[in-house]
Amino acid sequence: MKLTPRMRQVLEGADLERGTVSDVPTSTWHGLMNRGLVTRDMSLYGRTRDSFPLYSGVKLTEAGIRAACGLQHSAADGAWPPNPRTVDV
């Protein structure tokens, strides 16, 4: 599965105990939703920063939790190349 750098960044920062991600821009949320990594749950907590809405408390799906675990583990090992255009998960 291809992920943009922002999607990867959001998943790397996931709270795996709660199964959520935060600071998710609308376009990234839609991209993650289309890949089946987050839910369509509309009970999001919105906030803005630099005039772009960011959402917190976005629920991860089981696939999203697996992807976030893999990304967090890989990032800790330094296995990812710096600044890729997209990455496979």
C-alpha atoms as a PDB file:
ATOM      1  CA  MET A   1       0.000   0.000   0.000  1.00  0.00           C
ATOM      2  CA  LYS A   2       1.327   3.429  -0.908  1.00  0.00           C
ATOM      3  CA  LEU A   3       1.376   6.169   1.719  1.00  0.00           C
ATOM      4  CA  THR A   4       2.302   9.807   1.375  1.00  0.00           C
ATOM      5  CA  PRO A   5       4.910  11.214   3.763  1.00  0.00           C
ATOM      6  CA  ARG A   6       2.148  12.974   5.741  1.00  0.00           C
ATOM      7  CA  MET A   7       0.151   9.751   6.095  1.00  0.00           C
ATOM      8  CA  ARG A   8       3.276   7.995   7.294  1.00  0.00           C
ATOM      9  CA  GLN A   9       3.958  10.804   9.790  1.00  0.00           C
ATOM     10  CA  VAL A  10       0.407  10.621  11.156  1.00  0.00           C
ATOM     11  CA  LEU A  11       0.591   6.830  11.572  1.00  0.00           C
ATOM     12  CA  GLU A  12       4.026   6.994  13.192  1.00  0.00           C
ATOM     13  CA  GLY A  13       2.520   9.298  15.830  1.00  0.00           C
ATOM     14  CA  ALA A  14      -0.462   7.029  16.540  1.00  0.00           C
ATOM     15  CA  ASP A  15      -1.522   6.309  20.094  1.00  0.00           C
ATOM     16  CA  LEU A  16      -1.669   2.530  19.798  1.00  0.00           C
ATOM     17  CA  GLU A  17      -3.122   2.007  23.277  1.00  0.00           C
ATOM     18  CA  ARG A  18      -6.165   4.068  22.339  1.00  0.00           C
ATOM     19  CA  GLY A  19      -6.149   3.127  18.647  1.00  0.00           C
ATOM     20  CA  THR A  20      -6.255   6.761  17.540  1.00  0.00           C
ATOM     21  CA  VAL A  21      -4.255   9.309  15.569  1.00  0.00           C
ATOM     22  CA  SER A  22      -4.111  13.081  16.011  1.00  0.00           C
ATOM     23  CA  ASP A  23      -3.203  16.168  13.958  1.00  0.00           C
ATOM     24  CA  VAL A  24      -4.808  14.674  10.850  1.00  0.00           C
ATOM     25  CA  PRO A  25      -5.550  17.141   8.017  1.00  0.00           C
ATOM     26  CA  THR A  26      -8.818  16.576   6.159  1.00  0.00           C
ATOM     27  CA  SER A  27      -7.148  15.389   2.947  1.00  0.00           C
ATOM     28  CA  THR A  28      -4.929  12.954   4.879  1.00  0.00           C
ATOM     29  CA  TRP A  29      -7.962  11.640   6.769  1.00  0.00           C
ATOM     30  CA  HIS A  30      -9.714  10.953   3.460  1.00  0.00           C
ATOM     31  CA  GLY A  31      -6.608   9.243   2.060  1.00  0.00           C
ATOM     32  CA  LEU A  32      -6.244   7.041   5.134  1.00  0.00           C
ATOM     33  CA  MET A  33      -9.969   6.275   5.019  1.00  0.00           C
ATOM     34  CA  ASN A  34      -9.743   5.256   1.341  1.00  0.00           C
ATOM     35  CA  ARG A  35      -6.935   2.851   2.277  1.00  0.00           C
ATOM     36  CA  GLY A  36      -9.025   1.353   5.102  1.00  0.00           C
ATOM     37  CA  LEU A  37      -6.665   2.559   7.847  1.00  0.00           C
ATOM     38  CA  VAL A  38      -9.055   4.847   9.767  1.00  0.00           C
ATOM     39  CA  THR A  39     -12.802   4.775  10.339  1.00  0.00           C
ATOM     40  CA  ARG A  40     -15.421   7.038   8.856  1.00  0.00           C
ATOM     41  CA  ASP A  41     -16.520   7.946  12.382  1.00  0.00           C
ATOM     42  CA  MET A  42     -17.653  11.557  12.259  1.00  0.00           C
ATOM     43  CA  SER A  43     -17.250  12.126  16.004  1.00  0.00           C
ATOM     44  CA  LEU A  44     -13.923  13.854  15.427  1.00  0.00           C
ATOM     45  CA  TYR A  45     -12.550  16.655  17.527  1.00  0.00           C
ATOM     46  CA  GLY A  46     -11.707  19.469  15.143  1.00  0.00           C
ATOM     47  CA  ARG A  47      -9.213  22.218  15.684  1.00  0.00           C
ATOM     48  CA  THR A  48      -7.355  24.566  13.426  1.00  0.00           C
ATOM     49  CA  ARG A  49      -3.739  25.489  13.026  1.00  0.00           C
ATOM     50  CA  ASP A  50      -2.458  27.763  10.256  1.00  0.00           C
ATOM     51  CA  SER A  51      -6.018  27.976   8.867  1.00  0.00           C
ATOM     52  CA  PHE A  52      -6.155  24.228   8.087  1.00  0.00           C
ATOM     53  CA  PRO A  53      -8.476  22.001  10.103  1.00  0.00           C
ATOM     54  CA  LEU A  54      -6.690  19.225  11.961  1.00  0.00           C
ATOM     55  CA  TYR A  55      -8.520  16.387  13.671  1.00  0.00           C
ATOM     56  CA  SER A  56      -7.641  14.485  16.811  1.00  0.00           C
ATOM     57  CA  GLY A  57      -9.066  11.255  18.124  1.00  0.00           C
ATOM     58  CA  VAL A  58      -9.421   9.688  14.660  1.00  0.00           C
ATOM     59  CA  LYS A  59     -10.056   5.970  15.199  1.00  0.00           C
ATOM     60  CA  LEU A  60      -7.726   3.470  13.532  1.00  0.00           C
ATOM     61  CA  THR A  61      -9.058   0.272  11.992  1.00  0.00           C
ATOM     62  CA  GLU A  62      -7.325  -3.060  12.692  1.00  0.00           C
ATOM     63  CA  ALA A  63      -5.358  -2.573   9.450  1.00  0.00           C
ATOM     64  CA  GLY A  64      -4.457   0.938  10.595  1.00  0.00           C
ATOM     65  CA  ILE A  65      -3.168  -0.333  13.924  1.00  0.00           C
ATOM     66  CA  ARG A  66      -1.028  -2.957  12.142  1.00  0.00           C
ATOM     67  CA  ALA A  67       0.340  -0.327   9.729  1.00  0.00           C
ATOM     68  CA  ALA A  68       1.084   2.104  12.579  1.00  0.00           C
ATOM     69  CA  CYS A  69       2.861  -0.644  14.556  1.00  0.00           C
ATOM     70  CA  GLY A  70       4.976  -1.502  11.528  1.00  0.00           C
ATOM     71  CA  LEU A  71       5.839   2.129  10.821  1.00  0.00           C
ATOM     72  CA  GLN A  72       6.684   2.895  14.443  1.00  0.00           C
ATOM     73  CA  HIS A  73       8.889  -0.195  14.634  1.00  0.00           C
ATOM     74  CA  SER A  74      10.619   0.608  11.317  1.00  0.00           C
ATOM     75  CA  ALA A  75      11.144   4.257  12.258  1.00  0.00           C
ATOM     76  CA  ALA A  76      12.728   3.208  15.541  1.00  0.00           C
ATOM     77  CA  ASP A  77      15.126   0.942  13.621  1.00  0.00           C
ATOM     78  CA  GLY A  78      15.937   3.675  11.093  1.00  0.00           C
ATOM     79  CA  ALA A  79      14.810   1.422   8.243  1.00  0.00           C
ATOM     80  CA  TRP A  80      12.905   4.043   6.261  1.00  0.00           C
ATOM     81  CA  PRO A  81      14.677   6.221   3.699  1.00  0.00           C
ATOM     82  CA  PRO A  82      14.550   9.976   4.401  1.00  0.00           C
ATOM     83  CA  ASN A  83      11.781  11.967   2.684  1.00  0.00           C
ATOM     84  CA  PRO A  84      10.375   9.388   0.242  1.00  0.00           C
ATOM     85  CA  ARG A  85       7.610  10.512  -2.088  1.00  0.00           C
ATOM     86  CA  THR A  86       5.508   7.470  -1.112  1.00  0.00           C
ATOM     87  CA  VAL A  87       6.254   4.372   0.895  1.00  0.00           C
ATOM     88  CA  ASP A  88       4.958   0.817   0.783  1.00  0.00           C
ATOM     89  CA  VAL A  89       3.508  -0.657   3.939  1.00  0.00           C
END
